[in-house]
Amino acid sequence: FFPGLFDVVVGEREAEGIRRKPAPDTVLACMRELGVS
């Protein structure tokens, strides 16, 4: 539906230690990828 429109895409990856929402992990992963606060 949105090819080329997103810079970072993070789904459920709890097996990788990224907790699902409402934990902040997925959002923080985006921040790290883009180098923002």
Full PDB file with SEQRES, HELIX, SHEET, SSBOND, CRYST1, ORIGX, SCALE, CONECT and MASTER records, all heavy atoms in Angstrom:
SEQRES   1 A   37  PHE PHE PRO GLY LEU PHE ASP VAL VAL VAL GLY GLU ARG          
SEQRES   2 A   37  GLU ALA GLU GLY ILE ARG ARG LYS PRO ALA PRO ASP THR          
SEQRES   3 A   37  VAL LEU ALA CYS MET ARG GLU LEU GLY VAL SER                  
HELIX    1 AA1 GLU A   14  GLU A   16  5                                   3    
HELIX    2 AA2 ASP A   25  LEU A   34  1                                  10    
CRYST1    1.000    1.000    1.000  90.00  90.00  90.00 P 1           1          
ORIGX1      1.000000  0.000000  0.000000        0.00000                         
ORIGX2      0.000000  1.000000  0.000000        0.00000                         
ORIGX3      0.000000  0.000000  1.000000        0.00000                         
SCALE1      1.000000  0.000000  0.000000        0.00000                         
SCALE2      0.000000  1.000000  0.000000        0.00000                         
SCALE3      0.000000  0.000000  1.000000        0.00000                         
ATOM      1  N   PHE A   1       0.788  -1.230   0.000  1.00  0.00           N  
ATOM      2  CA  PHE A   1       0.000   0.000   0.000  1.00  0.00           C  
ATOM      3  C   PHE A   1       0.822   1.284   0.000  1.00  0.00           C  
ATOM      4  O   PHE A   1       0.335   2.322  -0.446  1.00  0.00           O  
ATOM      5  CB  PHE A   1      -0.951   0.011   1.203  1.00  0.00           C  
ATOM      6  CG  PHE A   1      -2.018  -1.037   1.130  1.00  0.00           C  
ATOM      7  CD1 PHE A   1      -1.978  -2.148   1.959  1.00  0.00           C  
ATOM      8  CD2 PHE A   1      -3.056  -0.922   0.228  1.00  0.00           C  
ATOM      9  CE1 PHE A   1      -2.966  -3.127   1.894  1.00  0.00           C  
ATOM     10  CE2 PHE A   1      -4.053  -1.890   0.153  1.00  0.00           C  
ATOM     11  CZ  PHE A   1      -4.005  -2.994   0.983  1.00  0.00           C  
ATOM     12  N   PHE A   2       2.054   1.238   0.514  1.00  0.00           N  
ATOM     13  CA  PHE A   2       2.831   2.466   0.668  1.00  0.00           C  
ATOM     14  C   PHE A   2       4.276   2.290   0.195  1.00  0.00           C  
ATOM     15  O   PHE A   2       5.212   2.649   0.918  1.00  0.00           O  
ATOM     16  CB  PHE A   2       2.829   2.909   2.140  1.00  0.00           C  
ATOM     17  CG  PHE A   2       1.462   2.993   2.757  1.00  0.00           C  
ATOM     18  CD1 PHE A   2       1.104   2.139   3.791  1.00  0.00           C  
ATOM     19  CD2 PHE A   2       0.536   3.935   2.321  1.00  0.00           C  
ATOM     20  CE1 PHE A   2      -0.146   2.212   4.383  1.00  0.00           C  
ATOM     21  CE2 PHE A   2      -0.725   4.014   2.899  1.00  0.00           C  
ATOM     22  CZ  PHE A   2      -1.070   3.151   3.930  1.00  0.00           C  
ATOM     23  N   PRO A   3       4.492   1.773  -0.991  1.00  0.00           N  
ATOM     24  CA  PRO A   3       5.874   1.529  -1.429  1.00  0.00           C  
ATOM     25  C   PRO A   3       6.676   2.830  -1.489  1.00  0.00           C  
ATOM     26  O   PRO A   3       6.229   3.825  -2.057  1.00  0.00           O  
ATOM     27  CB  PRO A   3       5.694   0.911  -2.818  1.00  0.00           C  
ATOM     28  CG  PRO A   3       4.341   1.380  -3.285  1.00  0.00           C  
ATOM     29  CD  PRO A   3       3.508   1.454  -2.048  1.00  0.00           C  
ATOM     30  N   GLY A   4       7.846   2.801  -0.873  1.00  0.00           N  
ATOM     31  CA  GLY A   4       8.755   3.935  -0.931  1.00  0.00           C  
ATOM     32  C   GLY A   4       8.402   5.112  -0.058  1.00  0.00           C  
ATOM     33  O   GLY A   4       9.076   6.142  -0.130  1.00  0.00           O  
ATOM     34  N   LEU A   5       7.374   4.978   0.794  1.00  0.00           N  
ATOM     35  CA  LEU A   5       6.934   6.129   1.588  1.00  0.00           C  
ATOM     36  C   LEU A   5       7.444   6.107   3.029  1.00  0.00           C  
ATOM     37  O   LEU A   5       7.271   7.097   3.747  1.00  0.00           O  
ATOM     38  CB  LEU A   5       5.406   6.219   1.589  1.00  0.00           C  
ATOM     39  CG  LEU A   5       4.758   6.573   0.240  1.00  0.00           C  
ATOM     40  CD1 LEU A   5       3.243   6.585   0.353  1.00  0.00           C  
ATOM     41  CD2 LEU A   5       5.260   7.933  -0.252  1.00  0.00           C  
ATOM     42  N   PHE A   6       8.059   5.007   3.453  1.00  0.00           N  
ATOM     43  CA  PHE A   6       8.522   4.917   4.837  1.00  0.00           C  
ATOM     44  C   PHE A   6      10.016   4.635   4.901  1.00  0.00           C  
ATOM     45  O   PHE A   6      10.552   3.830   4.132  1.00  0.00           O  
ATOM     46  CB  PHE A   6       7.751   3.836   5.601  1.00  0.00           C  
ATOM     47  CG  PHE A   6       6.350   4.258   5.937  1.00  0.00           C  
ATOM     48  CD1 PHE A   6       5.290   3.843   5.160  1.00  0.00           C  
ATOM     49  CD2 PHE A   6       6.103   5.112   7.000  1.00  0.00           C  
ATOM     50  CE1 PHE A   6       3.999   4.253   5.446  1.00  0.00           C  
ATOM     51  CE2 PHE A   6       4.818   5.530   7.292  1.00  0.00           C  
ATOM     52  CZ  PHE A   6       3.763   5.102   6.515  1.00  0.00           C  
ATOM     53  N   ASP A   7      10.671   5.307   5.842  1.00  0.00           N  
ATOM     54  CA  ASP A   7      12.107   5.147   6.027  1.00  0.00           C  
ATOM     55  C   ASP A   7      12.443   3.963   6.919  1.00  0.00           C  
ATOM     56  O   ASP A   7      13.461   3.303   6.727  1.00  0.00           O  
ATOM     57  CB  ASP A   7      12.687   6.433   6.627  1.00  0.00           C  
ATOM     58  CG  ASP A   7      12.526   7.619   5.694  1.00  0.00           C  
ATOM     59  OD1 ASP A   7      11.469   8.283   5.750  1.00  0.00           O  
ATOM     60  OD2 ASP A   7      13.435   7.867   4.897  1.00  0.00           O  
ATOM     61  N   VAL A   8      11.602   3.709   7.917  1.00  0.00           N  
ATOM     62  CA  VAL A   8      11.825   2.588   8.842  1.00  0.00           C  
ATOM     63  C   VAL A   8      10.473   1.932   9.117  1.00  0.00           C  
ATOM     64  O   VAL A   8       9.478   2.633   9.343  1.00  0.00           O  
ATOM     65  CB  VAL A   8      12.445   3.052  10.178  1.00  0.00           C  
ATOM     66  CG1 VAL A   8      12.782   1.843  11.057  1.00  0.00           C  
ATOM     67  CG2 VAL A   8      13.694   3.901   9.937  1.00  0.00           C  
ATOM     68  N   VAL A   9      10.438   0.601   9.098  1.00  0.00           N  
ATOM     69  CA  VAL A   9       9.215  -0.164   9.362  1.00  0.00           C  
ATOM     70  C   VAL A   9       9.551  -1.245  10.378  1.00  0.00           C  
ATOM     71  O   VAL A   9      10.432  -2.077  10.138  1.00  0.00           O  
ATOM     72  CB  VAL A   9       8.667  -0.807   8.072  1.00  0.00           C  
ATOM     73  CG1 VAL A   9       7.417  -1.640   8.379  1.00  0.00           C  
ATOM     74  CG2 VAL A   9       8.364   0.257   7.025  1.00  0.00           C  
ATOM     75  N   VAL A  10       8.861  -1.229  11.525  1.00  0.00           N  
ATOM     76  CA  VAL A  10       9.157  -2.183  12.598  1.00  0.00           C  
ATOM     77  C   VAL A  10       7.859  -2.827  13.068  1.00  0.00           C  
ATOM     78  O   VAL A  10       6.991  -2.160  13.627  1.00  0.00           O  
ATOM     79  CB  VAL A  10       9.851  -1.502  13.798  1.00  0.00           C  
ATOM     80  CG1 VAL A  10      10.222  -2.546  14.849  1.00  0.00           C  
ATOM     81  CG2 VAL A  10      11.092  -0.727  13.352  1.00  0.00           C  
ATOM     82  N   GLY A  11       7.726  -4.132  12.841  1.00  0.00           N  
ATOM     83  CA  GLY A  11       6.609  -4.886  13.380  1.00  0.00           C  
ATOM     84  C   GLY A  11       7.013  -5.614  14.645  1.00  0.00           C  
ATOM     85  O   GLY A  11       8.055  -5.322  15.244  1.00  0.00           O  
ATOM     86  N   GLU A  12       6.193  -6.576  15.055  1.00  0.00           N  
ATOM     87  CA  GLU A  12       6.462  -7.342  16.285  1.00  0.00           C  
ATOM     88  C   GLU A  12       7.718  -8.193  16.089  1.00  0.00           C  
ATOM     89  O   GLU A  12       7.783  -9.037  15.209  1.00  0.00           O  
ATOM     90  CB  GLU A  12       5.243  -8.217  16.604  1.00  0.00           C  
ATOM     91  CG  GLU A  12       5.337  -8.936  17.933  1.00  0.00           C  
ATOM     92  CD  GLU A  12       6.109 -10.249  17.835  1.00  0.00           C  
ATOM     93  OE1 GLU A  12       5.787 -11.060  16.959  1.00  0.00           O  
ATOM     94  OE2 GLU A  12       7.052 -10.432  18.635  1.00  0.00           O  
ATOM     95  N   ARG A  13       8.727  -7.939  16.938  1.00  0.00           N  
ATOM     96  CA  ARG A  13      10.004  -8.661  16.857  1.00  0.00           C  
ATOM     97  C   ARG A  13      10.462  -9.074  18.252  1.00  0.00           C  
ATOM     98  O   ARG A  13      11.629  -8.909  18.619  1.00  0.00           O  
ATOM     99  CB  ARG A  13      11.075  -7.781  16.212  1.00  0.00           C  
ATOM    100  CG  ARG A  13      10.806  -7.350  14.787  1.00  0.00           C  
ATOM    101  CD  ARG A  13      11.960  -6.501  14.260  1.00  0.00           C  
ATOM    102  NE  ARG A  13      11.688  -5.925  12.959  1.00  0.00           N  
ATOM    103  CZ  ARG A  13      12.487  -5.047  12.358  1.00  0.00           C  
ATOM    104  NH1 ARG A  13      13.602  -4.645  12.948  1.00  0.00           N  
ATOM    105  NH2 ARG A  13      12.170  -4.558  11.176  1.00  0.00           N  
ATOM    106  N   GLU A  14       9.545  -9.601  19.045  1.00  0.00           N  
ATOM    107  CA  GLU A  14       9.903  -9.924  20.428  1.00  0.00           C  
ATOM    108  C   GLU A  14      10.993 -10.982  20.504  1.00  0.00           C  
ATOM    109  O   GLU A  14      11.759 -11.009  21.464  1.00  0.00           O  
ATOM    110  CB  GLU A  14       8.656 -10.337  21.198  1.00  0.00           C  
ATOM    111  CG  GLU A  14       7.694  -9.171  21.414  1.00  0.00           C  
ATOM    112  CD  GLU A  14       6.753  -9.374  22.576  1.00  0.00           C  
ATOM    113  OE1 GLU A  14       6.218 -10.482  22.712  1.00  0.00           O  
ATOM    114  OE2 GLU A  14       6.558  -8.407  23.344  1.00  0.00           O  
ATOM    115  N   ALA A  15      11.081 -11.847  19.498  1.00  0.00           N  
ATOM    116  CA  ALA A  15      12.143 -12.854  19.485  1.00  0.00           C  
ATOM    117  C   ALA A  15      13.523 -12.211  19.395  1.00  0.00           C  
ATOM    118  O   ALA A  15      14.521 -12.812  19.791  1.00  0.00           O  
ATOM    119  CB  ALA A  15      11.943 -13.826  18.320  1.00  0.00           C  
ATOM    120  N   GLU A  16      13.560 -10.968  18.896  1.00  0.00           N  
ATOM    121  CA  GLU A  16      14.822 -10.223  18.799  1.00  0.00           C  
ATOM    122  C   GLU A  16      15.041  -9.317  20.006  1.00  0.00           C  
ATOM    123  O   GLU A  16      15.982  -8.531  20.029  1.00  0.00           O  
ATOM    124  CB  GLU A  16      14.833  -9.380  17.521  1.00  0.00           C  
ATOM    125  CG  GLU A  16      14.680 -10.180  16.246  1.00  0.00           C  
ATOM    126  CD  GLU A  16      14.570  -9.288  15.024  1.00  0.00           C  
ATOM    127  OE1 GLU A  16      15.032  -8.128  15.073  1.00  0.00           O  
ATOM    128  OE2 GLU A  16      14.019  -9.752  14.016  1.00  0.00           O  
ATOM    129  N   GLY A  17      14.146  -9.417  20.993  1.00  0.00           N  
ATOM    130  CA  GLY A  17      14.279  -8.599  22.190  1.00  0.00           C  
ATOM    131  C   GLY A  17      13.650  -7.229  22.074  1.00  0.00           C  
ATOM    132  O   GLY A  17      13.846  -6.381  22.959  1.00  0.00           O  
ATOM    133  N   ILE A  18      12.876  -6.990  21.003  1.00  0.00           N  
ATOM    134  CA  ILE A  18      12.176  -5.720  20.834  1.00  0.00           C  
ATOM    135  C   ILE A  18      10.746  -5.926  21.311  1.00  0.00           C  
ATOM    136  O   ILE A  18       9.948  -6.580  20.642  1.00  0.00           O  
ATOM    137  CB  ILE A  18      12.197  -5.253  19.366  1.00  0.00           C  
ATOM    138  CG1 ILE A  18      13.639  -5.041  18.901  1.00  0.00           C  
ATOM    139  CG2 ILE A  18      11.404  -3.962  19.197  1.00  0.00           C  
ATOM    140  CD1 ILE A  18      13.763  -4.680  17.431  1.00  0.00           C  
ATOM    141  N   ARG A  19      10.440  -5.391  22.486  1.00  0.00           N  
ATOM    142  CA  ARG A  19       9.121  -5.609  23.073  1.00  0.00           C  
ATOM    143  C   ARG A  19       8.042  -4.896  22.270  1.00  0.00           C  
ATOM    144  O   ARG A  19       8.281  -3.860  21.674  1.00  0.00           O  
ATOM    145  CB  ARG A  19       9.092  -5.119  24.521  1.00  0.00           C  
ATOM    146  CG  ARG A  19      10.016  -5.880  25.460  1.00  0.00           C  
ATOM    147  CD  ARG A  19      10.097  -5.169  26.793  1.00  0.00           C  
ATOM    148  NE  ARG A  19      10.701  -3.840  26.644  1.00  0.00           N  
ATOM    149  CZ  ARG A  19      10.709  -2.917  27.602  1.00  0.00           C  
ATOM    150  NH1 ARG A  19      10.143  -3.166  28.775  1.00  0.00           N  
ATOM    151  NH2 ARG A  19      11.286  -1.741  27.391  1.00  0.00           N  
ATOM    152  N   ARG A  20       6.843  -5.467  22.299  1.00  0.00           N  
ATOM    153  CA  ARG A  20       5.733  -4.857  21.580  1.00  0.00           C  
ATOM    154  C   ARG A  20       5.189  -3.674  22.375  1.00  0.00           C  
ATOM    155  O   ARG A  20       5.401  -3.543  23.571  1.00  0.00           O  
ATOM    156  CB  ARG A  20       4.640  -5.889  21.299  1.00  0.00           C  
ATOM    157  CG  ARG A  20       3.981  -6.492  22.520  1.00  0.00           C  
ATOM    158  CD  ARG A  20       2.936  -7.519  22.095  1.00  0.00           C  
ATOM    159  NE  ARG A  20       2.332  -8.192  23.227  1.00  0.00           N  
ATOM    160  CZ  ARG A  20       1.305  -7.728  23.922  1.00  0.00           C  
ATOM    161  NH1 ARG A  20       0.768  -6.565  23.603  1.00  0.00           N  
ATOM    162  NH2 ARG A  20       0.807  -8.387  24.935  1.00  0.00           N  
ATOM    163  N   LYS A  21       4.456  -2.823  21.668  1.00  0.00           N  
ATOM    164  CA  LYS A  21       3.806  -1.686  22.318  1.00  0.00           C  
ATOM    165  C   LYS A  21       2.819  -2.181  23.377  1.00  0.00           C  
ATOM    166  O   LYS A  21       2.219  -3.243  23.200  1.00  0.00           O  
ATOM    167  CB  LYS A  21       3.059  -0.849  21.270  1.00  0.00           C  
ATOM    168  CG  LYS A  21       3.943  -0.299  20.162  1.00  0.00           C  
ATOM    169  CD  LYS A  21       3.140   0.542  19.169  1.00  0.00           C  
ATOM    170  CE  LYS A  21       2.150  -0.289  18.373  1.00  0.00           C  
ATOM    171  NZ  LYS A  21       1.407   0.528  17.364  1.00  0.00           N  
ATOM    172  N   PRO A  22       2.659  -1.448  24.488  1.00  0.00           N  
ATOM    173  CA  PRO A  22       3.076  -0.061  24.733  1.00  0.00           C  
ATOM    174  C   PRO A  22       4.517   0.129  25.215  1.00  0.00           C  
ATOM    175  O   PRO A  22       4.870   1.252  25.582  1.00  0.00           O  
ATOM    176  CB  PRO A  22       2.096   0.394  25.808  1.00  0.00           C  
ATOM    177  CG  PRO A  22       1.797  -0.845  26.587  1.00  0.00           C  
ATOM    178  CD  PRO A  22       1.765  -1.939  25.560  1.00  0.00           C  
ATOM    179  N   ALA A  23       5.320  -0.929  25.266  1.00  0.00           N  
ATOM    180  CA  ALA A  23       6.746  -0.704  25.512  1.00  0.00           C  
ATOM    181  C   ALA A  23       7.285   0.204  24.409  1.00  0.00           C  
ATOM    182  O   ALA A  23       6.792   0.163  23.269  1.00  0.00           O  
ATOM    183  CB  ALA A  23       7.500  -2.034  25.529  1.00  0.00           C  
ATOM    184  N   PRO A  24       8.291   0.999  24.676  1.00  0.00           N  
ATOM    185  CA  PRO A  24       8.757   1.979  23.691  1.00  0.00           C  
ATOM    186  C   PRO A  24       9.716   1.422  22.652  1.00  0.00           C  
ATOM    187  O   PRO A  24      10.162   2.159  21.770  1.00  0.00           O  
ATOM    188  CB  PRO A  24       9.481   3.011  24.565  1.00  0.00           C  
ATOM    189  CG  PRO A  24      10.037   2.193  25.695  1.00  0.00           C  
ATOM    190  CD  PRO A  24       8.981   1.152  25.982  1.00  0.00           C  
ATOM    191  N   ASP A  25      10.025   0.131  22.717  1.00  0.00           N  
ATOM    192  CA  ASP A  25      11.133  -0.423  21.946  1.00  0.00           C  
ATOM    193  C   ASP A  25      11.048  -0.181  20.442  1.00  0.00           C  
ATOM    194  O   ASP A  25      12.049   0.147  19.794  1.00  0.00           O  
ATOM    195  CB  ASP A  25      11.245  -1.931  22.200  1.00  0.00           C  
ATOM    196  CG  ASP A  25      11.506  -2.279  23.650  1.00  0.00           C  
ATOM    197  OD1 ASP A  25      11.132  -1.480  24.528  1.00  0.00           O  
ATOM    198  OD2 ASP A  25      12.062  -3.354  23.926  1.00  0.00           O  
ATOM    199  N   THR A  26       9.849  -0.372  19.854  1.00  0.00           N  
ATOM    200  CA  THR A  26       9.733  -0.199  18.407  1.00  0.00           C  
ATOM    201  C   THR A  26       9.969   1.251  18.003  1.00  0.00           C  
ATOM    202  O   THR A  26      10.618   1.530  16.985  1.00  0.00           O  
ATOM    203  CB  THR A  26       8.351  -0.665  17.916  1.00  0.00           C  
ATOM    204  OG1 THR A  26       7.324  -0.009  18.690  1.00  0.00           O  
ATOM    205  CG2 THR A  26       8.193  -2.168  18.051  1.00  0.00           C  
ATOM    206  N   VAL A  27       9.450   2.178  18.796  1.00  0.00           N  
ATOM    207  CA  VAL A  27       9.649   3.603  18.503  1.00  0.00           C  
ATOM    208  C   VAL A  27      11.115   3.976  18.686  1.00  0.00           C  
ATOM    209  O   VAL A  27      11.698   4.706  17.861  1.00  0.00           O  
ATOM    210  CB  VAL A  27       8.751   4.469  19.400  1.00  0.00           C  
ATOM    211  CG1 VAL A  27       8.958   5.943  19.093  1.00  0.00           C  
ATOM    212  CG2 VAL A  27       7.281   4.088  19.217  1.00  0.00           C  
ATOM    213  N   LEU A  28      11.726   3.484  19.749  1.00  0.00           N  
ATOM    214  CA  LEU A  28      13.142   3.773  19.981  1.00  0.00           C  
ATOM    215  C   LEU A  28      14.014   3.188  18.883  1.00  0.00           C  
ATOM    216  O   LEU A  28      15.043   3.778  18.519  1.00  0.00           O  
ATOM    217  CB  LEU A  28      13.560   3.227  21.353  1.00  0.00           C  
ATOM    218  CG  LEU A  28      12.864   3.877  22.557  1.00  0.00           C  
ATOM    219  CD1 LEU A  28      13.317   3.209  23.852  1.00  0.00           C  
ATOM    220  CD2 LEU A  28      13.121   5.381  22.607  1.00  0.00           C  
ATOM    221  N   ALA A  29      13.612   2.040  18.328  1.00  0.00           N  
ATOM    222  CA  ALA A  29      14.364   1.452  17.218  1.00  0.00           C  
ATOM    223  C   ALA A  29      14.344   2.384  16.008  1.00  0.00           C  
ATOM    224  O   ALA A  29      15.355   2.532  15.316  1.00  0.00           O  
ATOM    225  CB  ALA A  29      13.788   0.089  16.854  1.00  0.00           C  
ATOM    226  N   CYS A  30      13.199   3.014  15.758  1.00  0.00           N  
ATOM    227  CA  CYS A  30      13.126   3.994  14.664  1.00  0.00           C  
ATOM    228  C   CYS A  30      14.037   5.176  14.933  1.00  0.00           C  
ATOM    229  O   CYS A  30      14.751   5.651  14.026  1.00  0.00           O  
ATOM    230  CB  CYS A  30      11.691   4.480  14.500  1.00  0.00           C  
ATOM    231  SG  CYS A  30      10.522   3.236  13.916  1.00  0.00           S  
ATOM    232  N   MET A  31      14.024   5.669  16.169  1.00  0.00           N  
ATOM    233  CA  MET A  31      14.859   6.809  16.519  1.00  0.00           C  
ATOM    234  C   MET A  31      16.344   6.487  16.322  1.00  0.00           C  
ATOM    235  O   MET A  31      17.104   7.314  15.790  1.00  0.00           O  
ATOM    236  CB  MET A  31      14.601   7.221  17.967  1.00  0.00           C  
ATOM    237  CG  MET A  31      13.220   7.768  18.228  1.00  0.00           C  
ATOM    238  SD  MET A  31      13.037   8.242  19.974  1.00  0.00           S  
ATOM    239  CE  MET A  31      11.262   8.522  20.061  1.00  0.00           C  
ATOM    240  N   ARG A  32      16.737   5.298  16.754  1.00  0.00           N  
ATOM    241  CA  ARG A  32      18.141   4.911  16.584  1.00  0.00           C  
ATOM    242  C   ARG A  32      18.506   4.840  15.105  1.00  0.00           C  
ATOM    243  O   ARG A  32      19.586   5.281  14.698  1.00  0.00           O  
ATOM    244  CB  ARG A  32      18.398   3.559  17.252  1.00  0.00           C  
ATOM    245  CG  ARG A  32      18.428   3.612  18.771  1.00  0.00           C  
ATOM    246  CD  ARG A  32      19.032   2.333  19.344  1.00  0.00           C  
ATOM    247  NE  ARG A  32      18.245   1.162  18.965  1.00  0.00           N  
ATOM    248  CZ  ARG A  32      17.211   0.688  19.672  1.00  0.00           C  
ATOM    249  NH1 ARG A  32      16.828   1.312  20.779  1.00  0.00           N  
ATOM    250  NH2 ARG A  32      16.567  -0.384  19.281  1.00  0.00           N  
ATOM    251  N   GLU A  33      17.619   4.276  14.312  1.00  0.00           N  
ATOM    252  CA  GLU A  33      17.893   4.120  12.886  1.00  0.00           C  
ATOM    253  C   GLU A  33      18.081   5.478  12.203  1.00  0.00           C  
ATOM    254  O   GLU A  33      18.936   5.628  11.319  1.00  0.00           O  
ATOM    255  CB  GLU A  33      16.738   3.367  12.229  1.00  0.00           C  
ATOM    256  CG  GLU A  33      16.903   3.086  10.759  1.00  0.00           C  
ATOM    257  CD  GLU A  33      17.906   1.986  10.454  1.00  0.00           C  
ATOM    258  OE1 GLU A  33      18.256   1.227  11.382  1.00  0.00           O  
ATOM    259  OE2 GLU A  33      18.347   1.908   9.293  1.00  0.00           O  
ATOM    260  N   LEU A  34      17.305   6.463  12.643  1.00  0.00           N  
ATOM    261  CA  LEU A  34      17.355   7.779  12.007  1.00  0.00           C  
ATOM    262  C   LEU A  34      18.238   8.778  12.749  1.00  0.00           C  
ATOM    263  O   LEU A  34      18.443   9.890  12.274  1.00  0.00           O  
ATOM    264  CB  LEU A  34      15.938   8.345  11.885  1.00  0.00           C  
ATOM    265  CG  LEU A  34      15.001   7.551  10.965  1.00  0.00           C  
ATOM    266  CD1 LEU A  34      13.591   8.121  11.008  1.00  0.00           C  
ATOM    267  CD2 LEU A  34      15.518   7.549   9.529  1.00  0.00           C  
ATOM    268  N   GLY A  35      18.741   8.387  13.935  1.00  0.00           N  
ATOM    269  CA  GLY A  35      19.638   9.244  14.678  1.00  0.00           C  
ATOM    270  C   GLY A  35      18.985  10.481  15.234  1.00  0.00           C  
ATOM    271  O   GLY A  35      19.556  11.587  15.178  1.00  0.00           O  
ATOM    272  N   VAL A  36      17.747  10.321  15.777  1.00  0.00           N  
ATOM    273  CA  VAL A  36      17.024  11.462  16.330  1.00  0.00           C  
ATOM    274  C   VAL A  36      16.636  11.183  17.776  1.00  0.00           C  
ATOM    275  O   VAL A  36      16.652  10.040  18.235  1.00  0.00           O  
ATOM    276  CB  VAL A  36      15.750  11.777  15.502  1.00  0.00           C  
ATOM    277  CG1 VAL A  36      16.135  12.229  14.106  1.00  0.00           C  
ATOM    278  CG2 VAL A  36      14.827  10.573  15.439  1.00  0.00           C  
ATOM    279  N   SER A  37      16.253  12.240  18.489  1.00  0.00           N  
ATOM    280  CA  SER A  37      15.865  12.133  19.890  1.00  0.00           C  
ATOM    281  C   SER A  37      14.345  12.135  20.012  1.00  0.00           C  
ATOM    282  O   SER A  37      13.630  12.526  19.078  1.00  0.00           O  
ATOM    283  CB  SER A  37      16.431  13.324  20.668  1.00  0.00           C  
ATOM    284  OG  SER A  37      15.764  14.523  20.264  1.00  0.00           O  
TER     285      SER A  37                                                      
MASTER        0    0    0    2    0    0    0    6  284    1    0    3          
END                                                                             
